[in-house]
Amino acid sequence: MQMMEIGGFFGLILLALNIWAIVSILGSTATTGRKVVWTLLILVLPLVGFIAWYVTGPRSRTQNI
């Protein structure tokens, strides 16, 4: 029973991170085609897509320094 609670908690965190990534992608200066590809990758493969986006994906227009 506890494993389901842990999985649900991490699932919720992953959902929040994916939403943040998609918002960042849509606010980036990347081309529309790249935005669509990155968004689909995150929607189809949430964990792998998020990690790939975090490492190499487009960033939003505002960068924190």
N, C-alpha and C. Protein backbone atom coordinates (compact mmCIF):
# COMPACT_ATOMS: atom_id res chain seq x y z
N MET A 1 0.81 -1.19 0.00
CA MET A 1 0.00 0.00 0.00
C MET A 1 0.86 1.26 0.00
N GLN A 2 1.97 1.26 0.71
CA GLN A 2 2.83 2.43 0.78
C GLN A 2 3.50 2.70 -0.56
N MET A 3 3.81 1.67 -1.35
CA MET A 3 4.42 1.88 -2.66
C MET A 3 3.49 2.67 -3.57
N MET A 4 2.19 2.47 -3.47
CA MET A 4 1.25 3.23 -4.29
C MET A 4 1.26 4.70 -3.89
N GLU A 5 1.40 4.99 -2.60
CA GLU A 5 1.45 6.37 -2.15
C GLU A 5 2.71 7.06 -2.65
N ILE A 6 3.83 6.37 -2.61
CA ILE A 6 5.08 6.94 -3.11
C ILE A 6 5.00 7.15 -4.62
N GLY A 7 4.46 6.18 -5.33
CA GLY A 7 4.31 6.32 -6.78
C GLY A 7 3.39 7.46 -7.15
N GLY A 8 2.31 7.63 -6.39
CA GLY A 8 1.39 8.73 -6.65
C GLY A 8 2.04 10.08 -6.40
N PHE A 9 2.86 10.16 -5.36
CA PHE A 9 3.56 11.40 -5.03
C PHE A 9 4.55 11.76 -6.13
N PHE A 10 5.35 10.79 -6.57
CA PHE A 10 6.31 11.06 -7.65
C PHE A 10 5.61 11.32 -8.98
N GLY A 11 4.48 10.68 -9.18
CA GLY A 11 3.69 10.95 -10.38
C GLY A 11 3.18 12.38 -10.41
N LEU A 12 2.77 12.87 -9.25
CA LEU A 12 2.30 14.25 -9.15
C LEU A 12 3.44 15.23 -9.40
N ILE A 13 4.60 14.94 -8.85
CA ILE A 13 5.77 15.78 -9.09
C ILE A 13 6.14 15.77 -10.57
N LEU A 14 6.12 14.59 -11.20
CA LEU A 14 6.44 14.50 -12.63
C LEU A 14 5.43 15.28 -13.46
N LEU A 15 4.16 15.22 -13.09
CA LEU A 15 3.14 15.99 -13.80
C LEU A 15 3.42 17.48 -13.71
N ALA A 16 3.75 17.95 -12.53
CA ALA A 16 4.06 19.38 -12.35
C ALA A 16 5.29 19.78 -13.17
N LEU A 17 6.32 18.93 -13.16
CA LEU A 17 7.53 19.23 -13.94
C LEU A 17 7.23 19.24 -15.44
N ASN A 18 6.39 18.32 -15.89
CA ASN A 18 6.04 18.27 -17.31
C ASN A 18 5.24 19.51 -17.72
N ILE A 19 4.34 19.96 -16.86
CA ILE A 19 3.58 21.18 -17.16
C ILE A 19 4.53 22.37 -17.25
N TRP A 20 5.47 22.44 -16.30
CA TRP A 20 6.46 23.52 -16.32
C TRP A 20 7.29 23.48 -17.61
N ALA A 21 7.69 22.28 -18.03
CA ALA A 21 8.48 22.14 -19.25
C ALA A 21 7.69 22.57 -20.48
N ILE A 22 6.43 22.17 -20.56
CA ILE A 22 5.61 22.52 -21.72
C ILE A 22 5.38 24.03 -21.78
N VAL A 23 5.11 24.65 -20.64
CA VAL A 23 4.95 26.11 -20.62
C VAL A 23 6.24 26.78 -21.06
N SER A 24 7.37 26.28 -20.61
CA SER A 24 8.66 26.84 -21.01
C SER A 24 8.90 26.66 -22.50
N ILE A 25 8.54 25.50 -23.02
CA ILE A 25 8.71 25.24 -24.46
C ILE A 25 7.86 26.20 -25.26
N LEU A 26 6.60 26.36 -24.89
CA LEU A 26 5.71 27.23 -25.64
C LEU A 26 6.13 28.69 -25.56
N GLY A 27 6.83 29.08 -24.49
CA GLY A 27 7.32 30.45 -24.36
C GLY A 27 8.69 30.67 -24.94
N SER A 28 9.28 29.65 -25.52
CA SER A 28 10.63 29.77 -26.06
C SER A 28 10.61 30.41 -27.45
N THR A 29 11.79 30.69 -27.94
CA THR A 29 11.91 31.28 -29.28
C THR A 29 12.11 30.21 -30.36
N ALA A 30 11.95 28.95 -30.00
CA ALA A 30 12.12 27.86 -30.97
C ALA A 30 11.04 27.94 -32.05
N THR A 31 11.30 27.29 -33.16
CA THR A 31 10.31 27.26 -34.24
C THR A 31 9.09 26.46 -33.80
N THR A 32 7.99 26.67 -34.49
CA THR A 32 6.76 25.96 -34.15
C THR A 32 6.94 24.45 -34.25
N GLY A 33 7.65 24.00 -35.27
CA GLY A 33 7.89 22.57 -35.44
C GLY A 33 8.64 21.96 -34.26
N ARG A 34 9.67 22.66 -33.81
CA ARG A 34 10.44 22.16 -32.65
C ARG A 34 9.60 22.15 -31.39
N LYS A 35 8.75 23.17 -31.23
CA LYS A 35 7.87 23.22 -30.07
C LYS A 35 6.92 22.03 -30.07
N VAL A 36 6.38 21.70 -31.23
CA VAL A 36 5.46 20.57 -31.34
C VAL A 36 6.17 19.27 -31.02
N VAL A 37 7.37 19.08 -31.56
CA VAL A 37 8.12 17.84 -31.32
C VAL A 37 8.45 17.69 -29.85
N TRP A 38 8.94 18.74 -29.20
CA TRP A 38 9.28 18.65 -27.78
C TRP A 38 8.04 18.39 -26.93
N THR A 39 6.95 19.07 -27.24
CA THR A 39 5.72 18.87 -26.48
C THR A 39 5.21 17.44 -26.63
N LEU A 40 5.21 16.92 -27.84
CA LEU A 40 4.77 15.53 -28.05
C LEU A 40 5.69 14.54 -27.33
N LEU A 41 6.99 14.80 -27.35
CA LEU A 41 7.92 13.91 -26.66
C LEU A 41 7.61 13.87 -25.17
N ILE A 42 7.33 15.01 -24.58
CA ILE A 42 7.02 15.05 -23.15
C ILE A 42 5.67 14.39 -22.86
N LEU A 43 4.71 14.56 -23.74
CA LEU A 43 3.40 13.95 -23.52
C LEU A 43 3.43 12.43 -23.69
N VAL A 44 4.19 11.94 -24.66
CA VAL A 44 4.23 10.51 -24.94
C VAL A 44 5.16 9.76 -23.98
N LEU A 45 6.31 10.34 -23.68
CA LEU A 45 7.29 9.73 -22.77
C LEU A 45 7.60 10.73 -21.65
N PRO A 46 6.75 10.81 -20.65
CA PRO A 46 6.87 11.88 -19.66
C PRO A 46 8.24 11.98 -18.97
N LEU A 47 8.76 10.90 -18.44
CA LEU A 47 10.02 10.97 -17.71
C LEU A 47 11.20 11.17 -18.65
N VAL A 48 11.29 10.36 -19.68
CA VAL A 48 12.39 10.46 -20.65
C VAL A 48 12.32 11.80 -21.39
N GLY A 49 11.12 12.21 -21.78
CA GLY A 49 10.94 13.47 -22.48
C GLY A 49 11.36 14.66 -21.64
N PHE A 50 10.98 14.63 -20.34
CA PHE A 50 11.37 15.73 -19.46
C PHE A 50 12.88 15.80 -19.29
N ILE A 51 13.50 14.66 -19.08
CA ILE A 51 14.96 14.64 -18.90
C ILE A 51 15.65 15.13 -20.17
N ALA A 52 15.20 14.67 -21.33
CA ALA A 52 15.80 15.11 -22.59
C ALA A 52 15.61 16.62 -22.78
N TRP A 53 14.41 17.12 -22.48
CA TRP A 53 14.17 18.56 -22.61
C TRP A 53 15.05 19.34 -21.64
N TYR A 54 15.16 18.86 -20.41
CA TYR A 54 15.94 19.57 -19.40
C TYR A 54 17.41 19.70 -19.81
N VAL A 55 17.92 18.65 -20.46
CA VAL A 55 19.33 18.65 -20.85
C VAL A 55 19.56 19.44 -22.14
N THR A 56 18.69 19.27 -23.14
CA THR A 56 18.97 19.84 -24.46
C THR A 56 17.87 20.70 -25.06
N GLY A 57 16.74 20.81 -24.42
CA GLY A 57 15.59 21.46 -25.03
C GLY A 57 15.66 22.98 -25.04
N PRO A 58 14.70 23.59 -25.75
CA PRO A 58 14.64 25.05 -25.81
C PRO A 58 14.22 25.63 -24.47
N ARG A 59 14.71 26.80 -24.16
CA ARG A 59 14.38 27.47 -22.90
C ARG A 59 13.43 28.63 -23.17
N SER A 60 12.75 29.07 -22.13
CA SER A 60 11.84 30.19 -22.28
C SER A 60 12.63 31.46 -22.56
N ARG A 61 11.93 32.50 -22.97
CA ARG A 61 12.58 33.75 -23.34
C ARG A 61 13.27 34.40 -22.16
N THR A 62 12.69 34.27 -20.96
CA THR A 62 13.29 34.88 -19.78
C THR A 62 14.21 33.89 -19.11
N GLN A 63 15.45 34.28 -18.96
CA GLN A 63 16.46 33.44 -18.31
C GLN A 63 16.82 34.04 -16.97
N ASN A 64 16.87 33.21 -15.95
CA ASN A 64 17.32 33.68 -14.64
C ASN A 64 18.84 33.64 -14.59
N ILE A 65 19.43 34.74 -14.17
CA ILE A 65 20.89 34.81 -14.12
C ILE A 65 21.36 34.66 -12.70
